[in-house]
């Protein structure tokens, strides 16, 4: 009888223990899944969303810069075409020999450099393409019978002479002609 009682209690203990172990392991598994899901929702996804937002912001900034650059190039082309259409009042309009542009983000301006040529020499205009206002202009005249044979005059927007190499104002300089030409 003793063995029957021991076997009875073994079966009873096993019958009660297995469901408890099953439910305990199931609840622990659910707890691990819930903790993992919480970590994913509270830590990983917001970090990924912030990274996506940063990338979207960088892309929008780059597209805006590219759009400004493209609009500046179009406006510079139109400005150069306009300069070649109209006469200065002293003869036919000059021929545009070249143009370049740059969008200055710091100033928020589209800077265009237009080079023209006519029978008397060349002119270079640096101006704001949108406002059509001069920033600087330079004239280069070729006079073969004078010394020096080429004269370059640059003026700023207030028509003050400037040194084109330094970008600084120049005092009015009177160049005296030499008495004799030095020839080798």
C-alpha atoms as a PDB file:
ATOM      1  CA  UNK A   1       0.000   0.000   0.000  1.00  0.00           C
ATOM      2  CA  UNK A   2       2.776   2.241   0.657  1.00  0.00           C
ATOM      3  CA  UNK A   3       3.844   2.105  -2.943  1.00  0.00           C
ATOM      4  CA  UNK A   4       0.280   2.840  -4.093  1.00  0.00           C
ATOM      5  CA  UNK A   5       0.157   5.989  -1.974  1.00  0.00           C
ATOM      6  CA  UNK A   6       3.537   7.146  -3.232  1.00  0.00           C
ATOM      7  CA  UNK A   7       2.506   6.586  -6.813  1.00  0.00           C
ATOM      8  CA  UNK A   8      -0.786   8.397  -6.206  1.00  0.00           C
ATOM      9  CA  UNK A   9       1.005  11.429  -4.845  1.00  0.00           C
ATOM     10  CA  UNK A  10       3.518  11.342  -7.672  1.00  0.00           C
ATOM     11  CA  UNK A  11       0.769  11.406 -10.230  1.00  0.00           C
ATOM     12  CA  UNK A  12      -1.070  14.126  -8.351  1.00  0.00           C
ATOM     13  CA  UNK A  13       2.091  16.187  -8.003  1.00  0.00           C
ATOM     14  CA  UNK A  14       2.922  15.797 -11.696  1.00  0.00           C
ATOM     15  CA  UNK A  15      -0.637  16.634 -12.676  1.00  0.00           C
ATOM     16  CA  UNK A  16      -0.493  19.855 -10.670  1.00  0.00           C
ATOM     17  CA  UNK A  17       3.111  20.810 -11.467  1.00  0.00           C
ATOM     18  CA  UNK A  18       3.074  20.584 -15.266  1.00  0.00           C
ATOM     19  CA  UNK A  19       0.253  23.107 -15.788  1.00  0.00           C
ATOM     20  CA  UNK A  20       1.927  25.480 -13.372  1.00  0.00           C
ATOM     21  CA  UNK A  21       5.264  25.217 -15.186  1.00  0.00           C
ATOM     22  CA  UNK A  22       3.513  25.682 -18.526  1.00  0.00           C
ATOM     23  CA  UNK A  23       1.668  28.809 -17.397  1.00  0.00           C
ATOM     24  CA  UNK A  24       4.759  30.174 -15.701  1.00  0.00           C
ATOM     25  CA  UNK A  25       6.857  29.760 -18.850  1.00  0.00           C
ATOM     26  CA  UNK A  26       4.044  31.187 -20.995  1.00  0.00           C
ATOM     27  CA  UNK A  27       3.734  34.262 -18.781  1.00  0.00           C
ATOM     28  CA  UNK A  28       7.521  34.746 -18.799  1.00  0.00           C
ATOM     29  CA  UNK A  29       7.517  34.508 -22.597  1.00  0.00           C
ATOM     30  CA  UNK A  30       4.745  37.102 -22.809  1.00  0.00           C
ATOM     31  CA  UNK A  31       6.683  39.337 -20.442  1.00  0.00           C
ATOM     32  CA  UNK A  32       9.796  39.096 -22.650  1.00  0.00           C
ATOM     33  CA  UNK A  33       7.728  39.853 -25.780  1.00  0.00           C
ATOM     34  CA  UNK A  34       6.074  42.828 -24.060  1.00  0.00           C
ATOM     35  CA  UNK A  35       9.445  44.203 -22.895  1.00  0.00           C
ATOM     36  CA  UNK A  36      10.941  43.801 -26.376  1.00  0.00           C
ATOM     37  CA  UNK A  37       7.955  45.496 -27.989  1.00  0.00           C
ATOM     38  CA  UNK A  38       8.126  48.363 -25.499  1.00  0.00           C
ATOM     39  CA  UNK A  39      11.831  48.852 -26.185  1.00  0.00           C
ATOM     40  CA  UNK A  40      11.187  48.829 -29.927  1.00  0.00           C
ATOM     41  CA  UNK A  41       8.324  51.317 -29.665  1.00  0.00           C
ATOM     42  CA  UNK A  42       9.921  53.629 -27.104  1.00  0.00           C
ATOM     43  CA  UNK A  43      13.589  53.622 -28.136  1.00  0.00           C
ATOM     44  CA  UNK A  44      14.361  52.199 -31.555  1.00  0.00           C
ATOM     45  CA  UNK A  45      11.513  53.584 -33.675  1.00  0.00           C
ATOM     46  CA  UNK A  46      11.761  57.201 -32.415  1.00  0.00           C
ATOM     47  CA  UNK A  47      15.521  57.208 -33.086  1.00  0.00           C
ATOM     48  CA  UNK A  48      14.934  55.885 -36.592  1.00  0.00           C
ATOM     49  CA  UNK A  49      12.193  58.499 -37.148  1.00  0.00           C
ATOM     50  CA  UNK A  50      14.525  61.291 -35.958  1.00  0.00           C
ATOM     51  CA  UNK A  51      17.179  60.060 -38.380  1.00  0.00           C
ATOM     52  CA  UNK A  52      14.631  59.980 -41.224  1.00  0.00           C
ATOM     53  CA  UNK A  53      13.492  63.515 -40.312  1.00  0.00           C
ATOM     54  CA  UNK A  54      17.107  64.747 -40.358  1.00  0.00           C
ATOM     55  CA  UNK A  55      17.681  63.176 -43.770  1.00  0.00           C
ATOM     56  CA  UNK A  56      14.433  64.692 -45.096  1.00  0.00           C
ATOM     57  CA  UNK A  57      15.483  68.106 -43.787  1.00  0.00           C
ATOM     58  CA  UNK A  58      18.925  67.819 -45.415  1.00  0.00           C
ATOM     59  CA  UNK A  59      17.325  66.763 -48.684  1.00  0.00           C
ATOM     60  CA  UNK A  60      14.883  69.694 -48.607  1.00  0.00           C
ATOM     61  CA  UNK A  61      17.748  72.121 -47.895  1.00  0.00           C
ATOM     62  CA  UNK A  62      19.819  70.702 -50.759  1.00  0.00           C
ATOM     63  CA  UNK A  63      16.856  70.874 -53.146  1.00  0.00           C
ATOM     64  CA  UNK A  64      16.224  74.512 -52.148  1.00  0.00           C
ATOM     65  CA  UNK A  65      19.901  75.357 -52.769  1.00  0.00           C
ATOM     66  CA  UNK A  66      19.838  73.597 -56.124  1.00  0.00           C
ATOM     67  CA  UNK A  67      16.651  75.441 -57.072  1.00  0.00           C
ATOM     68  CA  UNK A  68      18.262  78.794 -56.158  1.00  0.00           C
ATOM     69  CA  UNK A  69      21.334  77.917 -58.218  1.00  0.00           C
ATOM     70  CA  UNK A  70      19.242  76.909 -61.235  1.00  0.00           C
ATOM     71  CA  UNK A  71      17.076  80.047 -60.979  1.00  0.00           C
ATOM     72  CA  UNK A  72      20.229  82.157 -60.683  1.00  0.00           C
ATOM     73  CA  UNK A  73      21.691  80.568 -63.828  1.00  0.00           C
ATOM     74  CA  UNK A  74      18.462  81.244 -65.751  1.00  0.00           C
ATOM     75  CA  UNK A  75      18.320  84.854 -64.560  1.00  0.00           C
ATOM     76  CA  UNK A  76      22.006  85.369 -65.405  1.00  0.00           C
ATOM     77  CA  UNK A  77      21.437  84.047 -68.922  1.00  0.00           C
ATOM     78  CA  UNK A  78      18.491  86.449 -69.379  1.00  0.00           C
ATOM     79  CA  UNK A  79      20.566  89.342 -68.012  1.00  0.00           C
ATOM     80  CA  UNK A  80      23.379  88.623 -70.469  1.00  0.00           C
ATOM     81  CA  UNK A  81      20.893  88.395 -73.359  1.00  0.00           C
ATOM     82  CA  UNK A  82      19.383  91.738 -72.351  1.00  0.00           C
ATOM     83  CA  UNK A  83      22.812  93.399 -72.269  1.00  0.00           C
ATOM     84  CA  UNK A  84      23.448  92.265 -75.836  1.00  0.00           C
ATOM     85  CA  UNK A  85      20.108  93.646 -77.104  1.00  0.00           C
ATOM     86  CA  UNK A  86      20.324  97.292 -76.139  1.00  0.00           C
ATOM     87  CA  UNK A  87      22.588 100.062 -77.345  1.00  0.00           C
ATOM     88  CA  UNK A  88      24.568 102.166 -74.903  1.00  0.00           C
ATOM     89  CA  UNK A  89      23.628 105.262 -76.878  1.00  0.00           C
ATOM     90  CA  UNK A  90      26.993 105.477 -78.621  1.00  0.00           C
ATOM     91  CA  UNK A  91      26.443 103.001 -81.394  1.00  0.00           C
ATOM     92  CA  UNK A  92      25.296  99.446 -81.900  1.00  0.00           C
ATOM     93  CA  UNK A  93      24.857  97.226 -78.868  1.00  0.00           C
ATOM     94  CA  UNK A  94      27.982  95.415 -77.726  1.00  0.00           C
ATOM     95  CA  UNK A  95      28.365  91.720 -78.424  1.00  0.00           C
ATOM     96  CA  UNK A  96      28.221  89.571 -75.312  1.00  0.00           C
ATOM     97  CA  UNK A  97      31.362  87.452 -75.344  1.00  0.00           C
ATOM     98  CA  UNK A  98      30.735  85.539 -72.133  1.00  0.00           C
ATOM     99  CA  UNK A  99      28.802  85.276 -68.919  1.00  0.00           C
ATOM    100  CA  UNK A 100      29.192  83.463 -65.655  1.00  0.00           C
ATOM    101  CA  UNK A 101      27.125  83.385 -62.488  1.00  0.00           C
ATOM    102  CA  UNK A 102      27.184  82.470 -58.825  1.00  0.00           C
ATOM    103  CA  UNK A 103      24.450  82.419 -56.196  1.00  0.00           C
ATOM    104  CA  UNK A 104      25.875  83.943 -53.003  1.00  0.00           C
ATOM    105  CA  UNK A 105      23.954  82.331 -50.140  1.00  0.00           C
ATOM    106  CA  UNK A 106      25.431  84.666 -47.521  1.00  0.00           C
ATOM    107  CA  UNK A 107      24.198  87.771 -49.362  1.00  0.00           C
ATOM    108  CA  UNK A 108      21.166  86.077 -50.909  1.00  0.00           C
ATOM    109  CA  UNK A 109      22.118  87.488 -54.305  1.00  0.00           C
ATOM    110  CA  UNK A 110      22.618  86.118 -57.771  1.00  0.00           C
ATOM    111  CA  UNK A 111      25.901  87.565 -58.988  1.00  0.00           C
ATOM    112  CA  UNK A 112      26.459  87.593 -62.739  1.00  0.00           C
ATOM    113  CA  UNK A 113      29.621  88.528 -64.625  1.00  0.00           C
ATOM    114  CA  UNK A 114      28.928  89.622 -68.216  1.00  0.00           C
ATOM    115  CA  UNK A 115      31.743  90.308 -70.677  1.00  0.00           C
ATOM    116  CA  UNK A 116      31.038  92.376 -73.774  1.00  0.00           C
ATOM    117  CA  UNK A 117      33.194  93.401 -76.683  1.00  0.00           C
ATOM    118  CA  UNK A 118      32.839  96.214 -79.184  1.00  0.00           C
ATOM    119  CA  UNK A 119      35.155  97.964 -81.641  1.00  0.00           C
ATOM    120  CA  UNK A 120      36.797 100.079 -78.914  1.00  0.00           C
ATOM    121  CA  UNK A 121      37.612  97.361 -76.393  1.00  0.00           C
ATOM    122  CA  UNK A 122      36.007  95.109 -73.840  1.00  0.00           C
ATOM    123  CA  UNK A 123      33.752  95.701 -70.868  1.00  0.00           C
ATOM    124  CA  UNK A 124      33.063  93.503 -67.902  1.00  0.00           C
ATOM    125  CA  UNK A 125      30.043  94.022 -65.677  1.00  0.00           C
ATOM    126  CA  UNK A 126      29.549  92.363 -62.290  1.00  0.00           C
ATOM    127  CA  UNK A 127      25.976  92.864 -61.200  1.00  0.00           C
ATOM    128  CA  UNK A 128      23.062  91.536 -59.205  1.00  0.00           C
ATOM    129  CA  UNK A 129      21.044  89.578 -61.755  1.00  0.00           C
ATOM    130  CA  UNK A 130      17.693  90.008 -60.015  1.00  0.00           C
ATOM    131  CA  UNK A 131      17.982  93.726 -59.259  1.00  0.00           C
ATOM    132  CA  UNK A 132      19.910  94.505 -62.471  1.00  0.00           C
ATOM    133  CA  UNK A 133      22.151  96.753 -60.357  1.00  0.00           C
ATOM    134  CA  UNK A 134      25.882  97.203 -60.940  1.00  0.00           C
ATOM    135  CA  UNK A 135      28.285  95.963 -58.309  1.00  0.00           C
ATOM    136  CA  UNK A 136      31.371  96.726 -60.362  1.00  0.00           C
ATOM    137  CA  UNK A 137      32.291  97.339 -63.990  1.00  0.00           C
ATOM    138  CA  UNK A 138      35.584  97.489 -65.847  1.00  0.00           C
ATOM    139  CA  UNK A 139      36.450  98.864 -69.267  1.00  0.00           C
ATOM    140  CA  UNK A 140      39.556  97.819 -71.143  1.00  0.00           C
ATOM    141  CA  UNK A 141      40.464 100.053 -74.058  1.00  0.00           C
ATOM    142  CA  UNK A 142      43.171  99.387 -76.607  1.00  0.00           C
ATOM    143  CA  UNK A 143      44.935 102.500 -77.821  1.00  0.00           C
ATOM    144  CA  UNK A 144      47.996 101.450 -79.833  1.00  0.00           C
ATOM    145  CA  UNK A 145      49.517 104.945 -80.097  1.00  0.00           C
ATOM    146  CA  UNK A 146      49.603 105.539 -76.338  1.00  0.00           C
ATOM    147  CA  UNK A 147      51.671 104.162 -73.483  1.00  0.00           C
ATOM    148  CA  UNK A 148      50.425 101.875 -72.049  1.00  0.00           C
ATOM    149  CA  UNK A 149      48.570 100.502 -75.033  1.00  0.00           C
ATOM    150  CA  UNK A 150      45.846  98.957 -72.905  1.00  0.00           C
ATOM    151  CA  UNK A 151      43.999 100.905 -70.246  1.00  0.00           C
ATOM    152  CA  UNK A 152      41.774  99.193 -67.722  1.00  0.00           C
ATOM    153  CA  UNK A 153      39.426 101.298 -65.670  1.00  0.00           C
ATOM    154  CA  UNK A 154      37.235  99.778 -62.953  1.00  0.00           C
ATOM    155  CA  UNK A 155      34.467 101.483 -61.023  1.00  0.00           C
ATOM    156  CA  UNK A 156      32.245 100.377 -58.174  1.00  0.00           C
ATOM    157  CA  UNK A 157      28.489 100.959 -57.919  1.00  0.00           C
ATOM    158  CA  UNK A 158      29.045 104.607 -56.824  1.00  0.00           C
ATOM    159  CA  UNK A 159      31.397 105.212 -59.810  1.00  0.00           C
ATOM    160  CA  UNK A 160      34.500 105.354 -57.616  1.00  0.00           C
ATOM    161  CA  UNK A 161      37.671 103.956 -59.139  1.00  0.00           C
ATOM    162  CA  UNK A 162      38.765 100.675 -57.667  1.00  0.00           C
ATOM    163  CA  UNK A 163      41.723  98.402 -58.105  1.00  0.00           C
ATOM    164  CA  UNK A 164      40.263  95.280 -59.735  1.00  0.00           C
ATOM    165  CA  UNK A 165      43.026  93.073 -58.362  1.00  0.00           C
ATOM    166  CA  UNK A 166      42.579  94.093 -54.743  1.00  0.00           C
ATOM    167  CA  UNK A 167      38.955  95.235 -54.716  1.00  0.00           C
ATOM    168  CA  UNK A 168      39.966  98.456 -52.942  1.00  0.00           C
ATOM    169  CA  UNK A 169      39.345 102.092 -53.767  1.00  0.00           C
ATOM    170  CA  UNK A 170      42.124 103.765 -55.713  1.00  0.00           C
ATOM    171  CA  UNK A 171      43.141 107.389 -55.453  1.00  0.00           C
ATOM    172  CA  UNK A 172      42.913 109.322 -58.690  1.00  0.00           C
ATOM    173  CA  UNK A 173      46.213 108.708 -60.399  1.00  0.00           C
ATOM    174  CA  UNK A 174      47.548 110.933 -63.133  1.00  0.00           C
ATOM    175  CA  UNK A 175      49.822 108.977 -65.425  1.00  0.00           C
ATOM    176  CA  UNK A 176      52.387 111.141 -67.103  1.00  0.00           C
ATOM    177  CA  UNK A 177      53.602 110.225 -70.565  1.00  0.00           C
ATOM    178  CA  UNK A 178      57.315 109.625 -70.877  1.00  0.00           C
ATOM    179  CA  UNK A 179      59.212 112.000 -73.165  1.00  0.00           C
ATOM    180  CA  UNK A 180      60.797 109.236 -75.164  1.00  0.00           C
ATOM    181  CA  UNK A 181      59.656 105.730 -75.695  1.00  0.00           C
ATOM    182  CA  UNK A 182      62.140 103.197 -74.393  1.00  0.00           C
ATOM    183  CA  UNK A 183      62.808 100.608 -77.069  1.00  0.00           C
ATOM    184  CA  UNK A 184      65.295  97.761 -76.905  1.00  0.00           C
END
